[in-house]
Amino acid sequence: QVQLVESGGGLVQPGGSLRLSCAASGSIFSINAMGWYRQAPGKQRELVAAITSGGSTNYADSVKGRFTISRDNAENTMYLQMNSLKPEDTAVYYCNAHRVVHFTPYYGMDYWGKGTLVTVSS
C-alpha cells in the first residue's frame, strides 16, 4: 500500500553532517504525517522528528537545533538534514508514514522503511 525507502546513511566524524532521504511510493495521498525514528544498539526505537501533512514539525529535545526535517511534495521525498553530529546519534534511522483511520477513538496505521545506518565516530 505504502512503500518507503531510506538512503544517505554512512560513517561521519563528530561535528559532521549527513542528509537522509526517504522516497515514498504507493497509496501516499491519505498519509497524515511522516517522520524519522532511530534505534541505537541495545536501545528502544525513538522518534527523532516528524512533519504533518499541514507542514507542522516536531523534534526530539536531543536533536532540536541540529536536525531539520523537510519534504519535497513534487518528488514524494522526505529529508532529514543532520548537523553537528554526536556519537550518541549513532543508530539505524527509519522512515515512517502514519495514516489516521479515525480520531474517536483514535486508530492509526504505520508504514516503515528498512532503515539506513548512521555511525558517528572518530
PDB file of N, CA and C in Angstrom:
ATOM      1  N   GLN A   1       0.828  -1.196   0.000  1.00  0.00           N
ATOM      2  CA  GLN A   1       0.000   0.000   0.000  1.00  0.00           C
ATOM      3  C   GLN A   1       0.869   1.255   0.000  1.00  0.00           C
ATOM      4  N   VAL A   2       1.826   1.346   0.934  1.00  0.00           N
ATOM      5  CA  VAL A   2       2.790   2.428   1.002  1.00  0.00           C
ATOM      6  C   VAL A   2       4.178   1.815   1.129  1.00  0.00           C
ATOM      7  N   GLN A   3       5.087   2.236   0.267  1.00  0.00           N
ATOM      8  CA  GLN A   3       6.464   1.763   0.309  1.00  0.00           C
ATOM      9  C   GLN A   3       7.401   2.921   0.627  1.00  0.00           C
ATOM     10  N   LEU A   4       8.354   2.692   1.535  1.00  0.00           N
ATOM     11  CA  LEU A   4       9.292   3.711   1.971  1.00  0.00           C
ATOM     12  C   LEU A   4      10.709   3.160   1.849  1.00  0.00           C
ATOM     13  N   VAL A   5      11.613   3.941   1.246  1.00  0.00           N
ATOM     14  CA  VAL A   5      12.994   3.529   1.057  1.00  0.00           C
ATOM     15  C   VAL A   5      13.917   4.645   1.522  1.00  0.00           C
ATOM     16  N   GLU A   6      14.753   4.351   2.540  1.00  0.00           N
ATOM     17  CA  GLU A   6      15.698   5.327   3.068  1.00  0.00           C
ATOM     18  C   GLU A   6      17.040   5.218   2.349  1.00  0.00           C
ATOM     19  N   SER A   7      17.782   6.334   2.353  1.00  0.00           N
ATOM     20  CA  SER A   7      19.135   6.349   1.829  1.00  0.00           C
ATOM     21  C   SER A   7      19.900   7.505   2.471  1.00  0.00           C
ATOM     22  N   GLY A   8      21.224   7.484   2.350  1.00  0.00           N
ATOM     23  CA  GLY A   8      22.049   8.587   2.814  1.00  0.00           C
ATOM     24  C   GLY A   8      22.853   8.322   4.068  1.00  0.00           C
ATOM     25  N   GLY A   9      22.681   7.177   4.694  1.00  0.00           N
ATOM     26  CA  GLY A   9      23.444   6.864   5.887  1.00  0.00           C
ATOM     27  C   GLY A   9      24.904   6.589   5.561  1.00  0.00           C
ATOM     28  N   GLY A  10      25.728   6.548   6.614  1.00  0.00           N
ATOM     29  CA  GLY A  10      27.139   6.284   6.435  1.00  0.00           C
ATOM     30  C   GLY A  10      27.932   6.623   7.670  1.00  0.00           C
ATOM     31  N   LEU A  11      29.252   6.658   7.522  1.00  0.00           N
ATOM     32  CA  LEU A  11      30.176   6.973   8.605  1.00  0.00           C
ATOM     33  C   LEU A  11      30.579   8.438   8.528  1.00  0.00           C
ATOM     34  N   VAL A  12      30.487   9.138   9.655  1.00  0.00           N
ATOM     35  CA  VAL A  12      30.833  10.551   9.705  1.00  0.00           C
ATOM     36  C   VAL A  12      31.516  10.848  11.042  1.00  0.00           C
ATOM     37  N   GLN A  13      32.444  11.812  11.048  1.00  0.00           N
ATOM     38  CA  GLN A  13      33.127  12.207  12.274  1.00  0.00           C
ATOM     39  C   GLN A  13      32.246  13.101  13.135  1.00  0.00           C
ATOM     40  N   PRO A  14      32.462  13.112  14.453  1.00  0.00           N
ATOM     41  CA  PRO A  14      31.716  14.045  15.304  1.00  0.00           C
ATOM     42  C   PRO A  14      31.837  15.477  14.796  1.00  0.00           C
ATOM     43  N   GLY A  15      30.706  16.185  14.805  1.00  0.00           N
ATOM     44  CA  GLY A  15      30.656  17.538  14.281  1.00  0.00           C
ATOM     45  C   GLY A  15      30.317  17.617  12.807  1.00  0.00           C
ATOM     46  N   GLY A  16      30.300  16.490  12.131  1.00  0.00           N
ATOM     47  CA  GLY A  16      29.996  16.453  10.716  1.00  0.00           C
ATOM     48  C   GLY A  16      28.514  16.457  10.427  1.00  0.00           C
ATOM     49  N   SER A  17      28.174  16.311   9.140  1.00  0.00           N
ATOM     50  CA  SER A  17      26.786  16.378   8.693  1.00  0.00           C
ATOM     51  C   SER A  17      26.460  15.241   7.738  1.00  0.00           C
ATOM     52  N   LEU A  18      25.190  14.857   7.733  1.00  0.00           N
ATOM     53  CA  LEU A  18      24.643  13.902   6.783  1.00  0.00           C
ATOM     54  C   LEU A  18      23.228  14.332   6.432  1.00  0.00           C
ATOM     55  N   ARG A  19      22.785  13.949   5.245  1.00  0.00           N
ATOM     56  CA  ARG A  19      21.414  14.199   4.811  1.00  0.00           C
ATOM     57  C   ARG A  19      20.770  12.881   4.424  1.00  0.00           C
ATOM     58  N   LEU A  20      19.732  12.499   5.159  1.00  0.00           N
ATOM     59  CA  LEU A  20      18.993  11.282   4.874  1.00  0.00           C
ATOM     60  C   LEU A  20      17.799  11.588   3.977  1.00  0.00           C
ATOM     61  N   SER A  21      17.467  10.639   3.101  1.00  0.00           N
ATOM     62  CA  SER A  21      16.327  10.779   2.209  1.00  0.00           C
ATOM     63  C   SER A  21      15.392   9.592   2.385  1.00  0.00           C
ATOM     64  N   CYS A  22      14.097   9.825   2.205  1.00  0.00           N
ATOM     65  CA  CYS A  22      13.083   8.782   2.239  1.00  0.00           C
ATOM     66  C   CYS A  22      12.171   8.964   1.044  1.00  0.00           C
ATOM     67  N   ALA A  23      12.212   8.015   0.119  1.00  0.00           N
ATOM     68  CA  ALA A  23      11.364   8.051  -1.063  1.00  0.00           C
ATOM     69  C   ALA A  23      10.097   7.245  -0.804  1.00  0.00           C
ATOM     70  N   ALA A  24       8.942   7.871  -0.995  1.00  0.00           N
ATOM     71  CA  ALA A  24       7.649   7.235  -0.747  1.00  0.00           C
ATOM     72  C   ALA A  24       6.945   6.935  -2.062  1.00  0.00           C
ATOM     73  N   SER A  25       6.280   5.785  -2.114  1.00  0.00           N
ATOM     74  CA  SER A  25       5.512   5.410  -3.291  1.00  0.00           C
ATOM     75  C   SER A  25       4.301   4.599  -2.858  1.00  0.00           C
ATOM     76  N   GLY A  26       3.373   4.375  -3.785  1.00  0.00           N
ATOM     77  CA  GLY A  26       2.158   3.646  -3.483  1.00  0.00           C
ATOM     78  C   GLY A  26       1.009   4.590  -3.171  1.00  0.00           C
ATOM     79  N   SER A  27       0.132   4.178  -2.258  1.00  0.00           N
ATOM     80  CA  SER A  27      -1.051   4.956  -1.893  1.00  0.00           C
ATOM     81  C   SER A  27      -0.695   5.987  -0.838  1.00  0.00           C
ATOM     82  N   ILE A  28      -0.007   7.049  -1.251  1.00  0.00           N
ATOM     83  CA  ILE A  28       0.526   8.036  -0.313  1.00  0.00           C
ATOM     84  C   ILE A  28      -0.407   9.215  -0.079  1.00  0.00           C
ATOM     85  N   PHE A  29      -1.495   9.304  -0.813  1.00  0.00           N
ATOM     86  CA  PHE A  29      -2.339  10.503  -0.753  1.00  0.00           C
ATOM     87  C   PHE A  29      -3.072  10.664   0.571  1.00  0.00           C
ATOM     88  N   SER A  30      -3.307   9.577   1.292  1.00  0.00           N
ATOM     89  CA  SER A  30      -4.032   9.634   2.557  1.00  0.00           C
ATOM     90  C   SER A  30      -3.115   9.658   3.774  1.00  0.00           C
ATOM     91  N   ILE A  31      -1.802   9.816   3.581  1.00  0.00           N
ATOM     92  CA  ILE A  31      -0.860   9.879   4.695  1.00  0.00           C
ATOM     93  C   ILE A  31      -1.002  11.218   5.414  1.00  0.00           C
ATOM     94  N   ASN A  32      -1.160  11.175   6.740  1.00  0.00           N
ATOM     95  CA  ASN A  32      -1.362  12.381   7.532  1.00  0.00           C
ATOM     96  C   ASN A  32      -0.068  12.963   8.095  1.00  0.00           C
ATOM     97  N   ALA A  33       0.932  12.117   8.327  1.00  0.00           N
ATOM     98  CA  ALA A  33       2.191  12.589   8.880  1.00  0.00           C
ATOM     99  C   ALA A  33       3.308  11.623   8.514  1.00  0.00           C
ATOM    100  N   MET A  34       4.524  12.137   8.473  1.00  0.00           N
ATOM    101  CA  MET A  34       5.699  11.310   8.257  1.00  0.00           C
ATOM    102  C   MET A  34       6.765  11.716   9.261  1.00  0.00           C
ATOM    103  N   GLY A  35       7.708  10.819   9.498  1.00  0.00           N
ATOM    104  CA  GLY A  35       8.751  11.144  10.452  1.00  0.00           C
ATOM    105  C   GLY A  35       9.947  10.229  10.345  1.00  0.00           C
ATOM    106  N   TRP A  36      10.958  10.577  11.131  1.00  0.00           N
ATOM    107  CA  TRP A  36      12.171   9.779  11.250  1.00  0.00           C
ATOM    108  C   TRP A  36      12.283   9.242  12.666  1.00  0.00           C
ATOM    109  N   TYR A  37      12.528   7.955  12.780  1.00  0.00           N
ATOM    110  CA  TYR A  37      12.821   7.298  14.040  1.00  0.00           C
ATOM    111  C   TYR A  37      14.234   6.745  13.981  1.00  0.00           C
ATOM    112  N   ARG A  38      14.804   6.452  15.141  1.00  0.00           N
ATOM    113  CA  ARG A  38      16.109   5.814  15.174  1.00  0.00           C
ATOM    114  C   ARG A  38      16.174   4.796  16.304  1.00  0.00           C
ATOM    115  N   GLN A  39      17.027   3.802  16.111  1.00  0.00           N
ATOM    116  CA  GLN A  39      17.226   2.768  17.110  1.00  0.00           C
ATOM    117  C   GLN A  39      18.721   2.488  17.228  1.00  0.00           C
ATOM    118  N   ALA A  40      19.282   2.806  18.386  1.00  0.00           N
ATOM    119  CA  ALA A  40      20.682   2.547  18.669  1.00  0.00           C
ATOM    120  C   ALA A  40      20.842   1.118  19.185  1.00  0.00           C
ATOM    121  N   PRO A  41      22.051   0.561  19.103  1.00  0.00           N
ATOM    122  CA  PRO A  41      22.270  -0.799  19.596  1.00  0.00           C
ATOM    123  C   PRO A  41      21.865  -0.950  21.057  1.00  0.00           C
ATOM    124  N   GLY A  42      21.036  -1.940  21.348  1.00  0.00           N
ATOM    125  CA  GLY A  42      20.590  -2.195  22.704  1.00  0.00           C
ATOM    126  C   GLY A  42      19.559  -1.225  23.241  1.00  0.00           C
ATOM    127  N   LYS A  43      19.046  -0.322  22.408  1.00  0.00           N
ATOM    128  CA  LYS A  43      18.088   0.687  22.849  1.00  0.00           C
ATOM    129  C   LYS A  43      16.755   0.535  22.128  1.00  0.00           C
ATOM    130  N   GLN A  44      15.717   1.178  22.677  1.00  0.00           N
ATOM    131  CA  GLN A  44      14.406   1.185  22.052  1.00  0.00           C
ATOM    132  C   GLN A  44      14.354   2.198  20.913  1.00  0.00           C
ATOM    133  N   ARG A  45      13.475   1.952  19.966  1.00  0.00           N
ATOM    134  CA  ARG A  45      13.288   2.890  18.873  1.00  0.00           C
ATOM    135  C   ARG A  45      12.635   4.174  19.395  1.00  0.00           C
ATOM    136  N   GLU A  46      13.132   5.332  18.947  1.00  0.00           N
ATOM    137  CA  GLU A  46      12.624   6.604  19.413  1.00  0.00           C
ATOM    138  C   GLU A  46      12.339   7.543  18.247  1.00  0.00           C
ATOM    139  N   LEU A  47      11.379   8.432  18.455  1.00  0.00           N
ATOM    140  CA  LEU A  47      11.047   9.443  17.457  1.00  0.00           C
ATOM    141  C   LEU A  47      12.117  10.523  17.443  1.00  0.00           C
ATOM    142  N   VAL A  48      12.611  10.860  16.254  1.00  0.00           N
ATOM    143  CA  VAL A  48      13.603  11.909  16.078  1.00  0.00           C
ATOM    144  C   VAL A  48      12.938  13.204  15.624  1.00  0.00           C
ATOM    145  N   ALA A  49      12.125  13.123  14.582  1.00  0.00           N
ATOM    146  CA  ALA A  49      11.458  14.293  14.026  1.00  0.00           C
ATOM    147  C   ALA A  49      10.242  13.847  13.244  1.00  0.00           C
ATOM    148  N   ALA A  50       9.227  14.714  13.164  1.00  0.00           N
ATOM    149  CA  ALA A  50       8.007  14.406  12.431  1.00  0.00           C
ATOM    150  C   ALA A  50       7.505  15.647  11.713  1.00  0.00           C
ATOM    151  N   ILE A  51       6.780  15.432  10.627  1.00  0.00           N
ATOM    152  CA  ILE A  51       6.176  16.521   9.870  1.00  0.00           C
ATOM    153  C   ILE A  51       4.784  16.086   9.442  1.00  0.00           C
ATOM    154  N   THR A  52       3.786  16.954   9.637  1.00  0.00           N
ATOM    155  CA  THR A  52       2.408  16.644   9.294  1.00  0.00           C
ATOM    156  C   THR A  52       2.106  17.044   7.861  1.00  0.00           C
ATOM    157  N   SER A  53       0.933  16.625   7.391  1.00  0.00           N
ATOM    158  CA  SER A  53       0.507  16.996   6.046  1.00  0.00           C
ATOM    159  C   SER A  53       0.346  18.504   5.903  1.00  0.00           C
ATOM    160  N   GLY A  54       0.111  19.206   7.015  1.00  0.00           N
ATOM    161  CA  GLY A  54      -0.010  20.648   7.005  1.00  0.00           C
ATOM    162  C   GLY A  54       1.307  21.387   7.128  1.00  0.00           C
ATOM    163  N   GLY A  55       2.404  20.655   7.337  1.00  0.00           N
ATOM    164  CA  GLY A  55       3.716  21.267   7.405  1.00  0.00           C
ATOM    165  C   GLY A  55       4.250  21.526   8.801  1.00  0.00           C
ATOM    166  N   SER A  56       3.486  21.197   9.843  1.00  0.00           N
ATOM    167  CA  SER A  56       3.966  21.377  11.210  1.00  0.00           C
ATOM    168  C   SER A  56       5.054  20.353  11.516  1.00  0.00           C
ATOM    169  N   THR A  57       6.056  20.755  12.296  1.00  0.00           N
ATOM    170  CA  THR A  57       7.174  19.875  12.622  1.00  0.00           C
ATOM    171  C   THR A  57       7.345  19.738  14.126  1.00  0.00           C
ATOM    172  N   ASN A  58       7.902  18.599  14.538  1.00  0.00           N
ATOM    173  CA  ASN A  58       8.234  18.333  15.927  1.00  0.00           C
ATOM    174  C   ASN A  58       9.573  17.620  15.975  1.00  0.00           C
ATOM    175  N   TYR A  59      10.376  17.925  17.006  1.00  0.00           N
ATOM    176  CA  TYR A  59      11.699  17.341  17.151  1.00  0.00           C
ATOM    177  C   TYR A  59      11.907  16.822  18.559  1.00  0.00           C
ATOM    178  N   ALA A  60      12.670  15.751  18.673  1.00  0.00           N
ATOM    179  CA  ALA A  60      13.128  15.313  19.981  1.00  0.00           C
ATOM    180  C   ALA A  60      14.052  16.374  20.562  1.00  0.00           C
ATOM    181  N   ASP A  61      14.013  16.534  21.888  1.00  0.00           N
ATOM    182  CA  ASP A  61      14.856  17.539  22.530  1.00  0.00           C
ATOM    183  C   ASP A  61      16.337  17.322  22.234  1.00  0.00           C
ATOM    184  N   SER A  62      16.742  16.080  22.079  1.00  0.00           N
ATOM    185  CA  SER A  62      18.146  15.765  21.875  1.00  0.00           C
ATOM    186  C   SER A  62      18.685  16.214  20.518  1.00  0.00           C
ATOM    187  N   VAL A  63      17.804  16.493  19.555  1.00  0.00           N
ATOM    188  CA  VAL A  63      18.249  16.876  18.219  1.00  0.00           C
ATOM    189  C   VAL A  63      17.801  18.272  17.817  1.00  0.00           C
ATOM    190  N   LYS A  64      16.958  18.897  18.616  1.00  0.00           N
ATOM    191  CA  LYS A  64      16.432  20.211  18.272  1.00  0.00           C
ATOM    192  C   LYS A  64      17.566  21.219  18.127  1.00  0.00           C
ATOM    193  N   GLY A  65      17.547  21.970  17.032  1.00  0.00           N
ATOM    194  CA  GLY A  65      18.597  22.921  16.743  1.00  0.00           C
ATOM    195  C   GLY A  65      19.712  22.355  15.898  1.00  0.00           C
ATOM    196  N   ARG A  66      19.792  21.034  15.776  1.00  0.00           N
ATOM    197  CA  ARG A  66      20.828  20.387  14.977  1.00  0.00           C
ATOM    198  C   ARG A  66      20.266  19.691  13.740  1.00  0.00           C
ATOM    199  N   PHE A  67      19.059  19.129  13.857  1.00  0.00           N
ATOM    200  CA  PHE A  67      18.434  18.387  12.759  1.00  0.00           C
ATOM    201  C   PHE A  67      17.280  19.196  12.181  1.00  0.00           C
ATOM    202  N   THR A  68      17.023  19.020  10.884  1.00  0.00           N
ATOM    203  CA  THR A  68      15.903  19.666  10.218  1.00  0.00           C
ATOM    204  C   THR A  68      15.183  18.666   9.332  1.00  0.00           C
ATOM    205  N   ILE A  69      13.870  18.523   9.539  1.00  0.00           N
ATOM    206  CA  ILE A  69      13.060  17.646   8.707  1.00  0.00           C
ATOM    207  C   ILE A  69      12.367  18.483   7.637  1.00  0.00           C
ATOM    208  N   SER A  70      12.280  17.956   6.432  1.00  0.00           N
ATOM    209  CA  SER A  70      11.646  18.673   5.335  1.00  0.00           C
ATOM    210  C   SER A  70      11.084  17.666   4.341  1.00  0.00           C
ATOM    211  N   ARG A  71      10.346  18.171   3.362  1.00  0.00           N
ATOM    212  CA  ARG A  71       9.754  17.306   2.350  1.00  0.00           C
ATOM    213  C   ARG A  71       9.714  18.005   1.005  1.00  0.00           C
ATOM    214  N   ASP A  72       9.750  17.206  -0.050  1.00  0.00           N
ATOM    215  CA  ASP A  72       9.582  17.676  -1.415  1.00  0.00           C
ATOM    216  C   ASP A  72       8.320  16.997  -1.931  1.00  0.00           C
ATOM    217  N   ASN A  73       7.210  17.716  -1.927  1.00  0.00           N
ATOM    218  CA  ASN A  73       5.928  17.124  -2.289  1.00  0.00           C
ATOM    219  C   ASN A  73       5.896  16.645  -3.741  1.00  0.00           C
ATOM    220  N   ALA A  74       6.544  17.390  -4.637  1.00  0.00           N
ATOM    221  CA  ALA A  74       6.541  17.019  -6.047  1.00  0.00           C
ATOM    222  C   ALA A  74       7.243  15.691  -6.285  1.00  0.00           C
ATOM    223  N   GLU A  75       8.277  15.394  -5.487  1.00  0.00           N
ATOM    224  CA  GLU A  75       9.045  14.169  -5.656  1.00  0.00           C
ATOM    225  C   GLU A  75       8.664  13.094  -4.646  1.00  0.00           C
ATOM    226  N   ASN A  76       7.711  13.383  -3.750  1.00  0.00           N
ATOM    227  CA  ASN A  76       7.285  12.439  -2.709  1.00  0.00           C
ATOM    228  C   ASN A  76       8.476  11.944  -1.893  1.00  0.00           C
ATOM    229  N   THR A  77       9.321  12.882  -1.499  1.00  0.00           N
ATOM    230  CA  THR A  77      10.534  12.560  -0.764  1.00  0.00           C
ATOM    231  C   THR A  77      10.625  13.395   0.505  1.00  0.00           C
ATOM    232  N   MET A  78      11.019  12.756   1.604  1.00  0.00           N
ATOM    233  CA  MET A  78      11.236  13.429   2.876  1.00  0.00           C
ATOM    234  C   MET A  78      12.720  13.381   3.207  1.00  0.00           C
ATOM    235  N   TYR A  79      13.219  14.432   3.873  1.00  0.00           N
ATOM    236  CA  TYR A  79      14.630  14.538   4.182  1.00  0.00           C
ATOM    237  C   TYR A  79      14.852  14.785   5.668  1.00  0.00           C
ATOM    238  N   LEU A  80      16.018  14.405   6.137  1.00  0.00           N
ATOM    239  CA  LEU A  80      16.474  14.755   7.470  1.00  0.00           C
ATOM    240  C   LEU A  80      17.901  15.265   7.348  1.00  0.00           C
ATOM    241  N   GLN A  81      18.079  16.578   7.492  1.00  0.00           N
ATOM    242  CA  GLN A  81      19.402  17.181   7.488  1.00  0.00           C
ATOM    243  C   GLN A  81      19.948  17.127   8.905  1.00  0.00           C
ATOM    244  N   MET A  82      21.081  16.458   9.090  1.00  0.00           N
ATOM    245  CA  MET A  82      21.673  16.260  10.401  1.00  0.00           C
ATOM    246  C   MET A  82      23.015  16.985  10.457  1.00  0.00           C
ATOM    247  N   ASN A  83      23.112  17.979  11.333  1.00  0.00           N
ATOM    248  CA  ASN A  83      24.330  18.756  11.519  1.00  0.00           C
ATOM    249  C   ASN A  83      24.858  18.570  12.937  1.00  0.00           C
ATOM    250  N   SER A  84      26.116  18.929  13.133  1.00  0.00           N
ATOM    251  CA  SER A  84      26.758  18.836  14.448  1.00  0.00           C
ATOM    252  C   SER A  84      26.539  17.469  15.076  1.00  0.00           C
ATOM    253  N   LEU A  85      26.794  16.433  14.312  1.00  0.00           N
ATOM    254  CA  LEU A  85      26.518  15.073  14.761  1.00  0.00           C
ATOM    255  C   LEU A  85      27.390  14.679  15.944  1.00  0.00           C
ATOM    256  N   LYS A  86      26.799  13.896  16.848  1.00  0.00           N
ATOM    257  CA  LYS A  86      27.456  13.415  18.050  1.00  0.00           C
ATOM    258  C   LYS A  86      27.501  11.891  18.036  1.00  0.00           C
ATOM    259  N   PRO A  87      28.436  11.287  18.765  1.00  0.00           N
ATOM    260  CA  PRO A  87      28.477   9.817  18.820  1.00  0.00           C
ATOM    261  C   PRO A  87      27.157   9.197  19.257  1.00  0.00           C
ATOM    262  N   GLU A  88      26.415   9.865  20.136  1.00  0.00           N
ATOM    263  CA  GLU A  88      25.140   9.330  20.590  1.00  0.00           C
ATOM    264  C   GLU A  88      24.054   9.357  19.526  1.00  0.00           C
ATOM    265  N   ASP A  89      24.320   9.990  18.376  1.00  0.00           N
ATOM    266  CA  ASP A  89      23.395   9.944  17.247  1.00  0.00           C
ATOM    267  C   ASP A  89      23.525   8.652  16.452  1.00  0.00           C
ATOM    268  N   THR A  90      24.530   7.847  16.749  1.00  0.00           N
ATOM    269  CA  THR A  90      24.739   6.591  16.047  1.00  0.00           C
ATOM    270  C   THR A  90      23.529   5.679  16.223  1.00  0.00           C
ATOM    271  N   ALA A  91      22.931   5.251  15.115  1.00  0.00           N
ATOM    272  CA  ALA A  91      21.732   4.423  15.156  1.00  0.00           C
ATOM    273  C   ALA A  91      21.331   4.045  13.737  1.00  0.00           C
ATOM    274  N   VAL A  92      20.392   3.109  13.642  1.00  0.00           N
ATOM    275  CA  VAL A  92      19.696   2.874  12.391  1.00  0.00           C
ATOM    276  C   VAL A  92      18.513   3.832  12.344  1.00  0.00           C
ATOM    277  N   TYR A  93      18.420   4.604  11.279  1.00  0.00           N
ATOM    278  CA  TYR A  93      17.359   5.588  11.123  1.00  0.00           C
ATOM    279  C   TYR A  93      16.291   5.044  10.188  1.00  0.00           C
ATOM    280  N   TYR A  94      15.023   5.119  10.635  1.00  0.00           N
ATOM    281  CA  TYR A  94      13.894   4.573   9.898  1.00  0.00           C
ATOM    282  C   TYR A  94      12.933   5.667   9.461  1.00  0.00           C
ATOM    283  N   CYS A  95      12.459   5.570   8.242  1.00  0.00           N
ATOM    284  CA  CYS A  95      11.408   6.440   7.736  1.00  0.00           C
ATOM    285  C   CYS A  95      10.058   5.861   8.129  1.00  0.00           C
ATOM    286  N   ASN A  96       9.136   6.727   8.554  1.00  0.00           N
ATOM    287  CA  ASN A  96       7.805   6.317   8.982  1.00  0.00           C
ATOM    288  C   ASN A  96       6.740   7.166   8.305  1.00  0.00           C
ATOM    289  N   ALA A  97       5.635   6.526   7.926  1.00  0.00           N
ATOM    290  CA  ALA A  97       4.453   7.221   7.423  1.00  0.00           C
ATOM    291  C   ALA A  97       3.255   6.780   8.241  1.00  0.00           C
ATOM    292  N   HIS A  98       2.407   7.739   8.636  1.00  0.00           N
ATOM    293  CA  HIS A  98       1.278   7.457   9.509  1.00  0.00           C
ATOM    294  C   HIS A  98      -0.032   7.858   8.838  1.00  0.00           C
ATOM    295  N   ARG A  99      -1.000   6.937   8.893  1.00  0.00           N
ATOM    296  CA  ARG A  99      -2.330   7.185   8.356  1.00  0.00           C
ATOM    297  C   ARG A  99      -3.341   7.152   9.495  1.00  0.00           C
ATOM    298  N   VAL A 100      -4.121   8.219   9.656  1.00  0.00           N
ATOM    299  CA  VAL A 100      -5.174   8.269  10.660  1.00  0.00           C
ATOM    300  C   VAL A 100      -6.441   7.661  10.061  1.00  0.00           C
ATOM    301  N   VAL A 101      -6.916   6.575  10.687  1.00  0.00           N
ATOM    302  CA  VAL A 101      -8.147   5.932  10.239  1.00  0.00           C
ATOM    303  C   VAL A 101      -9.358   6.659  10.813  1.00  0.00           C
ATOM    304  N   HIS A 102      -9.346   6.926  12.127  1.00  0.00           N
ATOM    305  CA  HIS A 102     -10.350   7.760  12.767  1.00  0.00           C
ATOM    306  C   HIS A 102      -9.787   8.298  14.072  1.00  0.00           C
ATOM    307  N   PHE A 103     -10.382   9.380  14.561  1.00  0.00           N
ATOM    308  CA  PHE A 103      -9.865  10.055  15.758  1.00  0.00           C
ATOM    309  C   PHE A 103     -10.575   9.649  17.035  1.00  0.00           C
ATOM    310  N   THR A 104     -11.835   9.209  16.947  1.00  0.00           N
ATOM    311  CA  THR A 104     -12.605   8.895  18.140  1.00  0.00           C
ATOM    312  C   THR A 104     -13.267   7.526  18.020  1.00  0.00           C
ATOM    313  N   PRO A 105     -12.734   6.487  18.751  1.00  0.00           N
ATOM    314  CA  PRO A 105     -11.441   6.531  19.420  1.00  0.00           C
ATOM    315  C   PRO A 105     -10.310   6.580  18.405  1.00  0.00           C
ATOM    316  N   TYR A 106      -9.128   6.961  18.857  1.00  0.00           N
ATOM    317  CA  TYR A 106      -8.016   7.103  17.930  1.00  0.00           C
ATOM    318  C   TYR A 106      -7.544   5.748  17.421  1.00  0.00           C
ATOM    319  N   TYR A 107      -7.355   5.667  16.115  1.00  0.00           N
ATOM    320  CA  TYR A 107      -6.787   4.489  15.487  1.00  0.00           C
ATOM    321  C   TYR A 107      -6.021   4.907  14.243  1.00  0.00           C
ATOM    322  N   GLY A 108      -4.765   4.473  14.144  1.00  0.00           N
ATOM    323  CA  GLY A 108      -3.946   4.800  13.003  1.00  0.00           C
ATOM    324  C   GLY A 108      -3.112   3.618  12.557  1.00  0.00           C
ATOM    325  N   MET A 109      -2.525   3.750  11.389  1.00  0.00           N
ATOM    326  CA  MET A 109      -1.672   2.710  10.826  1.00  0.00           C
ATOM    327  C   MET A 109      -0.315   3.303  10.473  1.00  0.00           C
ATOM    328  N   ASP A 110       0.732   2.516  10.657  1.00  0.00           N
ATOM    329  CA  ASP A 110       2.096   2.960  10.392  1.00  0.00           C
ATOM    330  C   ASP A 110       2.759   2.107   9.325  1.00  0.00           C
ATOM    331  N   TYR A 111       3.566   2.758   8.499  1.00  0.00           N
ATOM    332  CA  TYR A 111       4.354   2.101   7.473  1.00  0.00           C
ATOM    333  C   TYR A 111       5.818   2.449   7.703  1.00  0.00           C
ATOM    334  N   TRP A 112       6.706   1.484   7.459  1.00  0.00           N
ATOM    335  CA  TRP A 112       8.117   1.647   7.791  1.00  0.00           C
ATOM    336  C   TRP A 112       9.027   1.271   6.640  1.00  0.00           C
ATOM    337  N   GLY A 113      10.139   2.008   6.526  1.00  0.00           N
ATOM    338  CA  GLY A 113      11.218   1.589   5.657  1.00  0.00           C
ATOM    339  C   GLY A 113      12.102   0.585   6.376  1.00  0.00           C
ATOM    340  N   LYS A 114      13.111   0.088   5.701  1.00  0.00           N
ATOM    341  CA  LYS A 114      14.001  -0.914   6.291  1.00  0.00           C
ATOM    342  C   LYS A 114      15.163  -0.309   7.062  1.00  0.00           C
ATOM    343  N   GLY A 115      15.371   0.999   6.956  1.00  0.00           N
ATOM    344  CA  GLY A 115      16.363   1.692   7.746  1.00  0.00           C
ATOM    345  C   GLY A 115      17.668   1.946   7.007  1.00  0.00           C
ATOM    346  N   THR A 116      18.413   2.947   7.485  1.00  0.00           N
ATOM    347  CA  THR A 116      19.746   3.256   6.988  1.00  0.00           C
ATOM    348  C   THR A 116      20.641   3.564   8.187  1.00  0.00           C
ATOM    349  N   LEU A 117      21.848   3.005   8.196  1.00  0.00           N
ATOM    350  CA  LEU A 117      22.740   3.100   9.347  1.00  0.00           C
ATOM    351  C   LEU A 117      23.549   4.386   9.313  1.00  0.00           C
ATOM    352  N   VAL A 118      23.534   5.101  10.438  1.00  0.00           N
ATOM    353  CA  VAL A 118      24.359   6.287  10.645  1.00  0.00           C
ATOM    354  C   VAL A 118      25.334   5.990  11.780  1.00  0.00           C
ATOM    355  N   THR A 119      26.631   6.121  11.506  1.00  0.00           N
ATOM    356  CA  THR A 119      27.660   5.893  12.507  1.00  0.00           C
ATOM    357  C   THR A 119      28.484   7.162  12.669  1.00  0.00           C
ATOM    358  N   VAL A 120      28.518   7.704  13.883  1.00  0.00           N
ATOM    359  CA  VAL A 120      29.278   8.912  14.191  1.00  0.00           C
ATOM    360  C   VAL A 120      30.454   8.507  15.067  1.00  0.00           C
ATOM    361  N   SER A 121      31.654   8.570  14.513  1.00  0.00           N
ATOM    362  CA  SER A 121      32.837   8.099  15.222  1.00  0.00           C
ATOM    363  C   SER A 121      34.090   8.729  14.638  1.00  0.00           C
ATOM    364  N   SER A 122      35.117   8.888  15.494  1.00  0.00           N
ATOM    365  CA  SER A 122      36.411   9.379  15.048  1.00  0.00           C
ATOM    366  C   SER A 122      37.243   8.271  14.415  1.00  0.00           C
TER     367      SER A 122
END
